[in-house]
Amino acid sequence: MLSREVTTLESVFHPFILRLFEVIETLGKIHLISEWVQGGELYNRIAEEGPLEEYHAAVIFHQLLLAVKHLHNLGYVHRDIKAENVLMVSDDRVKLADFGFSTQLINGPWQHLDTFCGSPPYAAPELFSDDHYIGGPVDIWALGVLVYFMLHAKMPFKASTVPLLRTAVLRGEFEISSTLSLPCCRVIRKYSILCKIKRPFKNI
């Protein structure tokens, strides 16, 4: 995982991706020297202060879209997008981090992958139901879960076990707060389409 993270971070410099400065190996240990991000995880910010205002969530979501689009254009997929891996530079600026599950799509964007990666609450339906998947749509689904979390301060699919979570995700049923604007509701549903090829992974 560490070698994957180093390879990816050395290849994907972007203003909304955590920057790797140096790799140091000492006594059989590898140390990654990255930029300092003082604001901590987006997850902690929401867990402590509650859901974001729509405008604030939109600003952060747009930055993450640009970061993921850059990754995909370079032939990489993240495979572990979640609030814990989004670091707060400031209230309105973030960095996507933790590329331990990332991989390069040597055979193009439709390359089949077969390793279950990431956090189950952010996992796309095909990770639970198929023996292979396409990386791009998996990242897009995770972005949909993330924007839901930003706006609700809770996950769209609630379950006490992974099997129950699998059932909930495959059904694709979740409730959107009635207080959200129509554009926000549309974004959540657009990025949470059960059919992977209908998600906007080619035109983020």
N, C-alpha and C. Protein backbone atom coordinates (compact mmCIF):
# COMPACT_ATOMS: atom_id res chain seq x y z
N MET A 1 0.82 -1.21 0.00
CA MET A 1 0.00 0.00 0.00
C MET A 1 0.85 1.25 0.00
N LEU A 2 1.96 1.23 0.76
CA LEU A 2 2.81 2.41 0.85
C LEU A 2 3.45 2.72 -0.49
N SER A 3 3.91 1.66 -1.20
CA SER A 3 4.53 1.89 -2.50
C SER A 3 3.53 2.47 -3.49
N ARG A 4 2.27 2.04 -3.41
CA ARG A 4 1.23 2.61 -4.27
C ARG A 4 1.04 4.09 -3.98
N GLU A 5 1.00 4.41 -2.70
CA GLU A 5 0.78 5.81 -2.32
C GLU A 5 1.91 6.69 -2.82
N VAL A 6 3.15 6.22 -2.66
CA VAL A 6 4.30 6.99 -3.12
C VAL A 6 4.25 7.19 -4.63
N THR A 7 3.99 6.10 -5.35
CA THR A 7 3.95 6.18 -6.82
C THR A 7 2.89 7.16 -7.29
N THR A 8 1.71 7.09 -6.68
CA THR A 8 0.62 7.97 -7.10
C THR A 8 0.93 9.42 -6.77
N LEU A 9 1.34 9.69 -5.52
CA LEU A 9 1.57 11.06 -5.10
C LEU A 9 2.71 11.72 -5.87
N GLU A 10 3.67 10.94 -6.31
CA GLU A 10 4.77 11.49 -7.10
C GLU A 10 4.33 11.85 -8.51
N SER A 11 3.17 11.34 -8.92
CA SER A 11 2.73 11.51 -10.31
C SER A 11 1.57 12.47 -10.48
N VAL A 12 0.92 12.87 -9.40
CA VAL A 12 -0.37 13.56 -9.57
C VAL A 12 -0.41 14.92 -8.86
N PHE A 13 0.58 15.73 -9.01
CA PHE A 13 0.60 17.04 -8.37
C PHE A 13 -0.63 17.85 -8.77
N HIS A 14 -1.33 18.38 -7.76
CA HIS A 14 -2.56 19.15 -8.01
C HIS A 14 -2.85 19.99 -6.77
N PRO A 15 -3.42 21.19 -6.93
CA PRO A 15 -3.66 22.05 -5.77
C PRO A 15 -4.61 21.47 -4.73
N PHE A 16 -5.44 20.49 -5.11
CA PHE A 16 -6.38 19.92 -4.15
C PHE A 16 -6.03 18.47 -3.79
N ILE A 17 -4.78 18.11 -4.02
CA ILE A 17 -4.27 16.79 -3.62
C ILE A 17 -3.08 17.00 -2.70
N LEU A 18 -3.02 16.25 -1.60
CA LEU A 18 -1.93 16.38 -0.65
C LEU A 18 -0.59 16.19 -1.35
N ARG A 19 0.31 17.12 -1.11
CA ARG A 19 1.60 17.10 -1.82
C ARG A 19 2.64 16.30 -1.04
N LEU A 20 3.33 15.42 -1.74
CA LEU A 20 4.43 14.64 -1.17
C LEU A 20 5.74 15.35 -1.48
N PHE A 21 6.51 15.68 -0.44
CA PHE A 21 7.77 16.38 -0.64
C PHE A 21 8.96 15.44 -0.77
N GLU A 22 8.97 14.41 0.06
CA GLU A 22 10.16 13.57 0.10
C GLU A 22 9.84 12.19 0.68
N VAL A 23 10.60 11.20 0.27
CA VAL A 23 10.50 9.85 0.82
C VAL A 23 11.85 9.51 1.43
N ILE A 24 11.86 9.18 2.72
CA ILE A 24 13.10 8.87 3.43
C ILE A 24 13.02 7.46 3.98
N GLU A 25 14.06 6.68 3.72
CA GLU A 25 14.13 5.31 4.23
C GLU A 25 15.25 5.21 5.25
N THR A 26 14.91 4.77 6.48
CA THR A 26 15.91 4.63 7.54
C THR A 26 15.65 3.34 8.30
N LEU A 27 16.69 2.54 8.46
CA LEU A 27 16.61 1.31 9.25
C LEU A 27 15.40 0.45 8.87
N GLY A 28 15.22 0.31 7.58
CA GLY A 28 14.14 -0.54 7.10
C GLY A 28 12.77 0.08 7.15
N LYS A 29 12.68 1.33 7.56
CA LYS A 29 11.39 2.02 7.62
C LYS A 29 11.34 3.12 6.56
N ILE A 30 10.15 3.32 6.02
CA ILE A 30 9.95 4.36 5.01
C ILE A 30 9.09 5.47 5.60
N HIS A 31 9.56 6.70 5.46
CA HIS A 31 8.85 7.86 5.98
C HIS A 31 8.46 8.76 4.82
N LEU A 32 7.19 9.15 4.79
CA LEU A 32 6.71 10.07 3.77
C LEU A 32 6.62 11.47 4.37
N ILE A 33 7.28 12.41 3.73
CA ILE A 33 7.25 13.80 4.18
C ILE A 33 6.30 14.56 3.26
N SER A 34 5.16 14.93 3.80
CA SER A 34 4.15 15.62 3.00
C SER A 34 3.90 17.02 3.57
N GLU A 35 3.15 17.80 2.85
CA GLU A 35 2.81 19.13 3.33
C GLU A 35 1.97 19.05 4.59
N TRP A 36 2.09 20.06 5.44
CA TRP A 36 1.34 20.11 6.69
C TRP A 36 -0.03 20.73 6.43
N VAL A 37 -1.07 20.03 6.86
CA VAL A 37 -2.43 20.53 6.73
C VAL A 37 -3.00 20.67 8.13
N GLN A 38 -3.16 21.89 8.60
CA GLN A 38 -3.44 22.14 10.01
C GLN A 38 -4.89 21.93 10.42
N GLY A 39 -5.81 21.90 9.47
CA GLY A 39 -7.22 21.86 9.83
C GLY A 39 -7.77 20.51 10.20
N GLY A 40 -6.99 19.44 10.01
CA GLY A 40 -7.48 18.11 10.35
C GLY A 40 -8.44 17.54 9.32
N GLU A 41 -9.12 16.47 9.70
CA GLU A 41 -9.99 15.75 8.77
C GLU A 41 -11.36 16.43 8.63
N LEU A 42 -11.90 16.37 7.43
CA LEU A 42 -13.26 16.84 7.20
C LEU A 42 -14.25 16.08 8.08
N TYR A 43 -13.99 14.79 8.28
CA TYR A 43 -14.87 13.97 9.11
C TYR A 43 -15.02 14.56 10.51
N ASN A 44 -13.90 14.91 11.13
CA ASN A 44 -13.94 15.46 12.48
C ASN A 44 -14.67 16.80 12.52
N ARG A 45 -14.45 17.59 11.50
CA ARG A 45 -15.13 18.90 11.42
C ARG A 45 -16.65 18.72 11.44
N ILE A 46 -17.15 17.76 10.65
CA ILE A 46 -18.59 17.54 10.57
C ILE A 46 -19.12 16.83 11.82
N ALA A 47 -18.35 15.87 12.33
CA ALA A 47 -18.77 15.15 13.54
C ALA A 47 -18.90 16.09 14.73
N GLU A 48 -18.05 17.09 14.80
CA GLU A 48 -18.05 18.02 15.93
C GLU A 48 -19.03 19.18 15.75
N GLU A 49 -19.20 19.65 14.51
CA GLU A 49 -19.97 20.87 14.29
C GLU A 49 -21.26 20.66 13.49
N GLY A 50 -21.47 19.45 12.99
CA GLY A 50 -22.70 19.17 12.26
C GLY A 50 -22.56 19.38 10.77
N PRO A 51 -23.65 19.22 10.02
CA PRO A 51 -23.60 19.31 8.56
C PRO A 51 -23.18 20.69 8.08
N LEU A 52 -22.62 20.71 6.88
CA LEU A 52 -22.19 21.96 6.28
C LEU A 52 -23.37 22.67 5.62
N GLU A 53 -23.27 23.97 5.53
CA GLU A 53 -24.22 24.72 4.72
C GLU A 53 -24.04 24.33 3.26
N GLU A 54 -25.09 24.45 2.48
CA GLU A 54 -25.03 24.01 1.09
C GLU A 54 -23.89 24.67 0.31
N TYR A 55 -23.72 25.98 0.48
CA TYR A 55 -22.67 26.68 -0.26
C TYR A 55 -21.30 26.15 0.14
N HIS A 56 -21.09 25.96 1.44
CA HIS A 56 -19.81 25.46 1.93
C HIS A 56 -19.53 24.06 1.38
N ALA A 57 -20.54 23.20 1.42
CA ALA A 57 -20.40 21.84 0.89
C ALA A 57 -20.10 21.88 -0.61
N ALA A 58 -20.75 22.79 -1.33
CA ALA A 58 -20.54 22.89 -2.78
C ALA A 58 -19.11 23.29 -3.11
N VAL A 59 -18.54 24.21 -2.32
CA VAL A 59 -17.16 24.64 -2.55
C VAL A 59 -16.20 23.48 -2.37
N ILE A 60 -16.37 22.74 -1.29
CA ILE A 60 -15.50 21.59 -1.01
C ILE A 60 -15.71 20.49 -2.05
N PHE A 61 -16.95 20.22 -2.38
CA PHE A 61 -17.25 19.17 -3.36
C PHE A 61 -16.63 19.51 -4.71
N HIS A 62 -16.68 20.77 -5.10
CA HIS A 62 -16.09 21.18 -6.38
C HIS A 62 -14.58 20.94 -6.39
N GLN A 63 -13.91 21.23 -5.29
CA GLN A 63 -12.47 20.99 -5.20
C GLN A 63 -12.15 19.51 -5.32
N LEU A 64 -12.96 18.68 -4.67
CA LEU A 64 -12.73 17.24 -4.74
C LEU A 64 -13.01 16.70 -6.14
N LEU A 65 -14.01 17.25 -6.80
CA LEU A 65 -14.28 16.85 -8.18
C LEU A 65 -13.08 17.16 -9.08
N LEU A 66 -12.49 18.33 -8.90
CA LEU A 66 -11.32 18.70 -9.69
C LEU A 66 -10.15 17.76 -9.41
N ALA A 67 -9.96 17.41 -8.14
CA ALA A 67 -8.88 16.50 -7.77
C ALA A 67 -9.08 15.12 -8.38
N VAL A 68 -10.31 14.61 -8.29
CA VAL A 68 -10.60 13.27 -8.83
C VAL A 68 -10.54 13.28 -10.35
N LYS A 69 -11.02 14.33 -10.97
CA LYS A 69 -10.92 14.44 -12.43
C LYS A 69 -9.47 14.42 -12.87
N HIS A 70 -8.61 15.12 -12.14
CA HIS A 70 -7.18 15.13 -12.45
C HIS A 70 -6.60 13.73 -12.33
N LEU A 71 -6.93 13.04 -11.25
CA LEU A 71 -6.48 11.66 -11.06
C LEU A 71 -6.89 10.77 -12.22
N HIS A 72 -8.17 10.83 -12.56
CA HIS A 72 -8.70 9.97 -13.62
C HIS A 72 -8.09 10.31 -14.98
N ASN A 73 -7.86 11.58 -15.23
CA ASN A 73 -7.25 11.98 -16.50
C ASN A 73 -5.83 11.45 -16.64
N LEU A 74 -5.15 11.26 -15.50
CA LEU A 74 -3.79 10.73 -15.52
C LEU A 74 -3.78 9.20 -15.46
N GLY A 75 -4.96 8.60 -15.42
CA GLY A 75 -5.05 7.14 -15.43
C GLY A 75 -4.98 6.49 -14.06
N TYR A 76 -5.31 7.24 -13.01
CA TYR A 76 -5.31 6.69 -11.65
C TYR A 76 -6.73 6.71 -11.07
N VAL A 77 -6.98 5.81 -10.14
CA VAL A 77 -8.21 5.86 -9.34
C VAL A 77 -7.81 5.81 -7.87
N HIS A 78 -8.60 6.47 -7.03
CA HIS A 78 -8.26 6.60 -5.61
C HIS A 78 -8.70 5.37 -4.82
N ARG A 79 -9.95 5.00 -4.92
CA ARG A 79 -10.55 3.81 -4.32
C ARG A 79 -10.72 3.87 -2.80
N ASP A 80 -10.50 5.04 -2.20
CA ASP A 80 -10.76 5.16 -0.76
C ASP A 80 -11.18 6.59 -0.41
N ILE A 81 -12.03 7.16 -1.24
CA ILE A 81 -12.52 8.51 -0.99
C ILE A 81 -13.52 8.47 0.17
N LYS A 82 -13.26 9.25 1.19
CA LYS A 82 -14.14 9.35 2.35
C LYS A 82 -13.76 10.60 3.13
N ALA A 83 -14.63 10.99 4.06
CA ALA A 83 -14.41 12.24 4.80
C ALA A 83 -13.12 12.21 5.61
N GLU A 84 -12.73 11.03 6.07
CA GLU A 84 -11.49 10.91 6.84
C GLU A 84 -10.26 11.18 5.99
N ASN A 85 -10.38 11.04 4.67
CA ASN A 85 -9.25 11.25 3.77
C ASN A 85 -9.30 12.60 3.05
N VAL A 86 -10.13 13.49 3.56
CA VAL A 86 -10.18 14.86 3.06
C VAL A 86 -9.67 15.76 4.18
N LEU A 87 -8.58 16.47 3.93
CA LEU A 87 -7.95 17.30 4.95
C LEU A 87 -8.29 18.76 4.74
N MET A 88 -8.56 19.46 5.84
CA MET A 88 -8.98 20.85 5.80
C MET A 88 -7.77 21.78 5.86
N VAL A 89 -7.45 22.43 4.76
CA VAL A 89 -6.41 23.45 4.75
C VAL A 89 -6.95 24.69 5.47
N SER A 90 -8.19 25.03 5.17
CA SER A 90 -8.92 26.12 5.81
C SER A 90 -10.40 25.77 5.73
N ASP A 91 -11.27 26.66 6.16
CA ASP A 91 -12.70 26.36 6.13
C ASP A 91 -13.23 26.11 4.72
N ASP A 92 -12.58 26.71 3.73
CA ASP A 92 -13.09 26.58 2.36
C ASP A 92 -12.05 26.03 1.38
N ARG A 93 -11.07 25.30 1.90
CA ARG A 93 -10.06 24.70 1.02
C ARG A 93 -9.65 23.35 1.59
N VAL A 94 -9.63 22.32 0.72
CA VAL A 94 -9.32 20.97 1.18
C VAL A 94 -8.26 20.32 0.30
N LYS A 95 -7.74 19.20 0.81
CA LYS A 95 -6.79 18.37 0.07
C LYS A 95 -7.24 16.92 0.17
N LEU A 96 -7.26 16.22 -0.94
CA LEU A 96 -7.54 14.79 -0.94
C LEU A 96 -6.27 14.05 -0.57
N ALA A 97 -6.36 13.12 0.38
CA ALA A 97 -5.17 12.43 0.90
C ALA A 97 -5.38 10.92 0.93
N ASP A 98 -4.37 10.22 1.43
CA ASP A 98 -4.35 8.77 1.64
C ASP A 98 -4.59 8.00 0.34
N PHE A 99 -3.51 7.76 -0.37
CA PHE A 99 -3.58 7.08 -1.66
C PHE A 99 -3.09 5.63 -1.56
N GLY A 100 -3.23 5.04 -0.38
CA GLY A 100 -2.75 3.68 -0.17
C GLY A 100 -3.47 2.63 -1.00
N PHE A 101 -4.72 2.89 -1.38
CA PHE A 101 -5.49 1.95 -2.21
C PHE A 101 -5.54 2.38 -3.67
N SER A 102 -4.88 3.45 -4.00
CA SER A 102 -4.92 3.94 -5.39
C SER A 102 -4.21 2.97 -6.32
N THR A 103 -4.58 3.04 -7.58
CA THR A 103 -3.91 2.19 -8.58
C THR A 103 -3.96 2.88 -9.93
N GLN A 104 -3.01 2.51 -10.77
CA GLN A 104 -2.96 3.06 -12.12
C GLN A 104 -3.65 2.09 -13.07
N LEU A 105 -4.49 2.64 -13.94
CA LEU A 105 -5.23 1.82 -14.91
C LEU A 105 -4.39 1.70 -16.17
N ILE A 106 -3.55 0.69 -16.19
CA ILE A 106 -2.62 0.50 -17.30
C ILE A 106 -3.35 0.27 -18.61
N ASN A 107 -4.49 -0.39 -18.55
CA ASN A 107 -5.24 -0.75 -19.76
C ASN A 107 -6.40 0.19 -20.06
N GLY A 108 -6.38 1.38 -19.47
CA GLY A 108 -7.42 2.35 -19.77
C GLY A 108 -8.53 2.39 -18.74
N PRO A 109 -9.46 3.35 -18.85
CA PRO A 109 -10.49 3.57 -17.82
C PRO A 109 -11.47 2.42 -17.64
N TRP A 110 -11.57 1.52 -18.62
CA TRP A 110 -12.51 0.40 -18.50
C TRP A 110 -11.83 -0.86 -17.96
N GLN A 111 -10.60 -0.72 -17.50
CA GLN A 111 -9.88 -1.87 -16.96
C GLN A 111 -10.62 -2.47 -15.76
N HIS A 112 -10.74 -3.80 -15.75
CA HIS A 112 -11.40 -4.48 -14.65
C HIS A 112 -10.46 -4.62 -13.45
N LEU A 113 -10.97 -4.31 -12.28
CA LEU A 113 -10.24 -4.47 -11.03
C LEU A 113 -10.99 -5.48 -10.17
N ASP A 114 -10.28 -6.17 -9.29
CA ASP A 114 -10.94 -7.22 -8.51
C ASP A 114 -10.64 -7.19 -7.02
N THR A 115 -9.97 -6.14 -6.53
CA THR A 115 -9.65 -6.05 -5.11
C THR A 115 -10.62 -5.10 -4.42
N PHE A 116 -11.31 -5.60 -3.39
CA PHE A 116 -12.22 -4.74 -2.62
C PHE A 116 -11.37 -3.77 -1.81
N CYS A 117 -11.52 -2.48 -2.08
CA CYS A 117 -10.73 -1.46 -1.41
C CYS A 117 -11.63 -0.44 -0.74
N GLY A 118 -11.07 0.23 0.24
CA GLY A 118 -11.78 1.35 0.84
C GLY A 118 -12.64 0.97 2.03
N SER A 119 -13.48 1.91 2.43
CA SER A 119 -14.35 1.75 3.59
C SER A 119 -15.73 1.28 3.14
N PRO A 120 -16.26 0.21 3.73
CA PRO A 120 -17.56 -0.32 3.29
C PRO A 120 -18.69 0.71 3.21
N PRO A 121 -18.81 1.67 4.15
CA PRO A 121 -19.92 2.64 4.02
C PRO A 121 -19.86 3.49 2.76
N TYR A 122 -18.69 3.57 2.14
CA TYR A 122 -18.53 4.35 0.90
C TYR A 122 -18.46 3.45 -0.33
N ALA A 123 -18.61 2.15 -0.14
CA ALA A 123 -18.42 1.20 -1.23
C ALA A 123 -19.60 1.20 -2.20
N ALA A 124 -19.29 1.18 -3.48
CA ALA A 124 -20.31 1.15 -4.53
C ALA A 124 -20.99 -0.21 -4.58
N PRO A 125 -22.20 -0.28 -5.13
CA PRO A 125 -22.94 -1.55 -5.18
C PRO A 125 -22.17 -2.68 -5.84
N GLU A 126 -21.45 -2.36 -6.92
CA GLU A 126 -20.74 -3.42 -7.65
C GLU A 126 -19.63 -4.05 -6.82
N LEU A 127 -19.13 -3.35 -5.82
CA LEU A 127 -18.12 -3.95 -4.95
C LEU A 127 -18.72 -5.05 -4.09
N PHE A 128 -20.01 -4.96 -3.83
CA PHE A 128 -20.70 -5.98 -3.04
C PHE A 128 -21.28 -7.10 -3.89
N SER A 129 -21.48 -6.86 -5.18
CA SER A 129 -22.24 -7.82 -5.98
C SER A 129 -21.46 -8.47 -7.12
N ASP A 130 -20.39 -7.85 -7.59
CA ASP A 130 -19.68 -8.37 -8.76
C ASP A 130 -18.30 -8.90 -8.37
N ASP A 131 -17.73 -9.72 -9.26
CA ASP A 131 -16.39 -10.23 -9.01
C ASP A 131 -15.32 -9.30 -9.58
N HIS A 132 -15.75 -8.24 -10.24
CA HIS A 132 -14.81 -7.21 -10.71
C HIS A 132 -15.57 -5.89 -10.82
N TYR A 133 -14.83 -4.83 -11.01
CA TYR A 133 -15.45 -3.51 -11.10
C TYR A 133 -14.55 -2.58 -11.91
N ILE A 134 -15.09 -1.40 -12.24
CA ILE A 134 -14.34 -0.37 -12.94
C ILE A 134 -14.04 0.74 -11.94
N GLY A 135 -12.81 1.20 -11.90
CA GLY A 135 -12.39 2.12 -10.84
C GLY A 135 -13.09 3.47 -10.83
N GLY A 136 -13.27 4.07 -12.01
CA GLY A 136 -13.86 5.40 -12.08
C GLY A 136 -15.22 5.51 -11.42
N PRO A 137 -16.18 4.66 -11.78
CA PRO A 137 -17.51 4.73 -11.16
C PRO A 137 -17.49 4.49 -9.66
N VAL A 138 -16.53 3.72 -9.16
CA VAL A 138 -16.41 3.49 -7.72
C VAL A 138 -16.03 4.79 -7.01
N ASP A 139 -15.10 5.54 -7.59
CA ASP A 139 -14.75 6.85 -7.01
C ASP A 139 -15.94 7.80 -7.04
N ILE A 140 -16.70 7.78 -8.12
CA ILE A 140 -17.85 8.67 -8.25
C ILE A 140 -18.91 8.34 -7.20
N TRP A 141 -19.18 7.06 -6.99
CA TRP A 141 -20.14 6.66 -5.96
C TRP A 141 -19.69 7.18 -4.59
N ALA A 142 -18.41 7.02 -4.29
CA ALA A 142 -17.89 7.48 -3.00
C ALA A 142 -18.06 8.99 -2.84
N LEU A 143 -17.89 9.73 -3.93
CA LEU A 143 -18.13 11.17 -3.88
C LEU A 143 -19.60 11.47 -3.56
N GLY A 144 -20.50 10.66 -4.09
CA GLY A 144 -21.92 10.83 -3.79
C GLY A 144 -22.21 10.60 -2.32
N VAL A 145 -21.62 9.55 -1.75
CA VAL A 145 -21.79 9.28 -0.32
C VAL A 145 -21.19 10.43 0.49
N LEU A 146 -20.04 10.93 0.05
CA LEU A 146 -19.37 12.00 0.77
C LEU A 146 -20.19 13.29 0.78
N VAL A 147 -20.75 13.66 -0.36
CA VAL A 147 -21.54 14.90 -0.39
C VAL A 147 -22.81 14.73 0.47
N TYR A 148 -23.36 13.53 0.50
CA TYR A 148 -24.50 13.26 1.39
C TYR A 148 -24.08 13.48 2.84
N PHE A 149 -22.92 12.93 3.20
CA PHE A 149 -22.43 13.07 4.58
C PHE A 149 -22.18 14.53 4.93
N MET A 150 -21.63 15.29 4.00
CA MET A 150 -21.37 16.70 4.27
C MET A 150 -22.65 17.46 4.57
N LEU A 151 -23.73 17.09 3.90
CA LEU A 151 -24.99 17.83 4.02
C LEU A 151 -25.93 17.30 5.10
N HIS A 152 -25.65 16.07 5.59
CA HIS A 152 -26.53 15.46 6.59
C HIS A 152 -25.83 15.14 7.92
N ALA A 153 -24.50 15.09 7.89
CA ALA A 153 -23.71 14.67 9.06
C ALA A 153 -24.05 13.24 9.48
N LYS A 154 -24.47 12.43 8.53
CA LYS A 154 -24.70 11.01 8.75
C LYS A 154 -24.57 10.31 7.40
N MET A 155 -24.44 8.99 7.44
CA MET A 155 -24.26 8.23 6.22
C MET A 155 -25.62 7.89 5.60
N PRO A 156 -25.68 7.76 4.28
CA PRO A 156 -26.96 7.46 3.62
C PRO A 156 -27.48 6.06 3.91
N PHE A 157 -26.56 5.12 4.10
CA PHE A 157 -26.96 3.73 4.32
C PHE A 157 -26.55 3.32 5.73
N LYS A 158 -27.52 3.05 6.58
CA LYS A 158 -27.25 2.68 7.96
C LYS A 158 -27.35 1.17 8.12
N ALA A 159 -26.37 0.59 8.78
CA ALA A 159 -26.38 -0.85 9.03
C ALA A 159 -25.38 -1.17 10.13
N SER A 160 -25.69 -2.17 10.93
CA SER A 160 -24.81 -2.54 12.04
C SER A 160 -23.76 -3.56 11.65
N THR A 161 -23.94 -4.21 10.50
CA THR A 161 -22.98 -5.19 10.01
C THR A 161 -22.75 -4.98 8.52
N VAL A 162 -21.66 -5.52 8.02
CA VAL A 162 -21.37 -5.40 6.59
C VAL A 162 -22.42 -6.10 5.73
N PRO A 163 -22.90 -7.31 6.11
CA PRO A 163 -23.97 -7.94 5.31
C PRO A 163 -25.23 -7.08 5.22
N LEU A 164 -25.60 -6.44 6.32
CA LEU A 164 -26.78 -5.56 6.30
C LEU A 164 -26.50 -4.32 5.46
N LEU A 165 -25.27 -3.83 5.53
CA LEU A 165 -24.89 -2.68 4.71
C LEU A 165 -24.97 -3.05 3.23
N ARG A 166 -24.49 -4.24 2.90
CA ARG A 166 -24.55 -4.71 1.52
C ARG A 166 -25.98 -4.69 1.00
N THR A 167 -26.90 -5.20 1.80
CA THR A 167 -28.31 -5.23 1.39
C THR A 167 -28.84 -3.82 1.17
N ALA A 168 -28.51 -2.91 2.08
CA ALA A 168 -28.99 -1.53 1.97
C ALA A 168 -28.43 -0.84 0.73
N VAL A 169 -27.15 -1.04 0.48
CA VAL A 169 -26.51 -0.39 -0.68
C VAL A 169 -27.08 -0.94 -1.99
N LEU A 170 -27.26 -2.25 -2.06
CA LEU A 170 -27.78 -2.86 -3.29
C LEU A 170 -29.22 -2.43 -3.57
N ARG A 171 -29.96 -2.11 -2.53
CA ARG A 171 -31.31 -1.58 -2.73
C ARG A 171 -31.26 -0.12 -3.20
N GLY A 172 -30.23 0.57 -2.77
CA GLY A 172 -30.06 1.96 -3.20
C GLY A 172 -31.08 2.91 -2.64
N GLU A 173 -31.64 2.59 -1.50
CA GLU A 173 -32.68 3.43 -0.91
C GLU A 173 -32.11 4.26 0.23
N PHE A 174 -32.27 5.57 0.14
CA PHE A 174 -31.83 6.45 1.21
C PHE A 174 -32.71 7.69 1.22
N GLU A 175 -32.76 8.35 2.35
CA GLU A 175 -33.60 9.53 2.51
C GLU A 175 -32.77 10.80 2.43
N ILE A 176 -33.24 11.77 1.67
CA ILE A 176 -32.59 13.06 1.57
C ILE A 176 -33.41 14.07 2.36
N SER A 177 -32.73 14.88 3.14
CA SER A 177 -33.42 15.87 3.96
C SER A 177 -34.31 16.79 3.11
N SER A 178 -35.50 17.02 3.61
CA SER A 178 -36.45 17.88 2.89
C SER A 178 -36.03 19.35 2.91
N THR A 179 -35.03 19.67 3.73
CA THR A 179 -34.57 21.06 3.81
C THR A 179 -33.56 21.41 2.72
N LEU A 180 -33.06 20.41 2.01
CA LEU A 180 -32.05 20.67 0.98
C LEU A 180 -32.70 21.21 -0.29
N SER A 181 -31.95 22.02 -1.00
CA SER A 181 -32.44 22.58 -2.26
C SER A 181 -32.50 21.50 -3.33
N LEU A 182 -33.26 21.76 -4.37
CA LEU A 182 -33.38 20.80 -5.47
C LEU A 182 -32.04 20.52 -6.14
N PRO A 183 -31.18 21.53 -6.39
CA PRO A 183 -29.87 21.24 -6.98
C PRO A 183 -29.03 20.28 -6.14
N CYS A 184 -29.06 20.44 -4.82
CA CYS A 184 -28.31 19.53 -3.95
C CYS A 184 -28.85 18.11 -4.04
N CYS A 185 -30.16 17.98 -4.04
CA CYS A 185 -30.78 16.66 -4.16
C CYS A 185 -30.38 16.00 -5.47
N ARG A 186 -30.35 16.78 -6.53
CA ARG A 186 -29.99 16.24 -7.84
C ARG A 186 -28.54 15.76 -7.87
N VAL A 187 -27.65 16.51 -7.23
CA VAL A 187 -26.24 16.10 -7.19
C VAL A 187 -26.09 14.78 -6.45
N ILE A 188 -26.73 14.67 -5.30
CA ILE A 188 -26.64 13.43 -4.53
C ILE A 188 -27.12 12.24 -5.35
N ARG A 189 -28.26 12.38 -6.00
CA ARG A 189 -28.82 11.26 -6.78
C ARG A 189 -27.98 10.98 -8.03
N LYS A 190 -27.43 12.01 -8.63
CA LYS A 190 -26.61 11.84 -9.83
C LYS A 190 -25.38 11.00 -9.55
N TYR A 191 -24.78 11.19 -8.38
CA TYR A 191 -23.56 10.47 -8.04
C TYR A 191 -23.83 9.17 -7.29
N SER A 192 -25.09 8.86 -7.05
CA SER A 192 -25.45 7.64 -6.32
C SER A 192 -26.34 6.72 -7.15
N ILE A 193 -26.16 6.75 -8.45
CA ILE A 193 -26.93 5.87 -9.34
C ILE A 193 -26.42 4.44 -9.21
N LEU A 194 -27.33 3.49 -9.05
CA LEU A 194 -26.92 2.10 -8.88
C LEU A 194 -26.17 1.57 -10.08
N CYS A 195 -26.61 1.91 -11.28
CA CYS A 195 -25.96 1.44 -12.50
C CYS A 195 -24.64 2.19 -12.70
N LYS A 196 -23.54 1.47 -12.64
CA LYS A 196 -22.22 2.13 -12.65
C LYS A 196 -21.95 2.92 -13.91
N ILE A 197 -22.40 2.44 -15.07
CA ILE A 197 -22.08 3.13 -16.31
C ILE A 197 -22.91 4.41 -16.50
N LYS A 198 -23.93 4.60 -15.65
CA LYS A 198 -24.73 5.82 -15.72
C LYS A 198 -24.20 6.91 -14.80
N ARG A 199 -23.24 6.57 -13.95
CA ARG A 199 -22.62 7.60 -13.11
C ARG A 199 -21.69 8.46 -13.97
N PRO A 200 -21.53 9.74 -13.63
CA PRO A 200 -20.76 10.65 -14.49
C PRO A 200 -19.25 10.54 -14.33
N PHE A 201 -18.72 9.33 -14.50
CA PHE A 201 -17.28 9.17 -14.30
C PHE A 201 -16.46 9.61 -15.50
N LYS A 202 -17.09 9.72 -16.66
CA LYS A 202 -16.34 10.16 -17.86
C LYS A 202 -16.41 11.66 -18.05
N ASN A 203 -17.40 12.27 -17.43
CA ASN A 203 -17.57 13.72 -17.55
C ASN A 203 -17.83 14.32 -16.18
N ILE A 204 -16.83 14.26 -15.34
CA ILE A 204 -16.98 14.76 -13.97
C ILE A 204 -17.21 16.28 -14.01
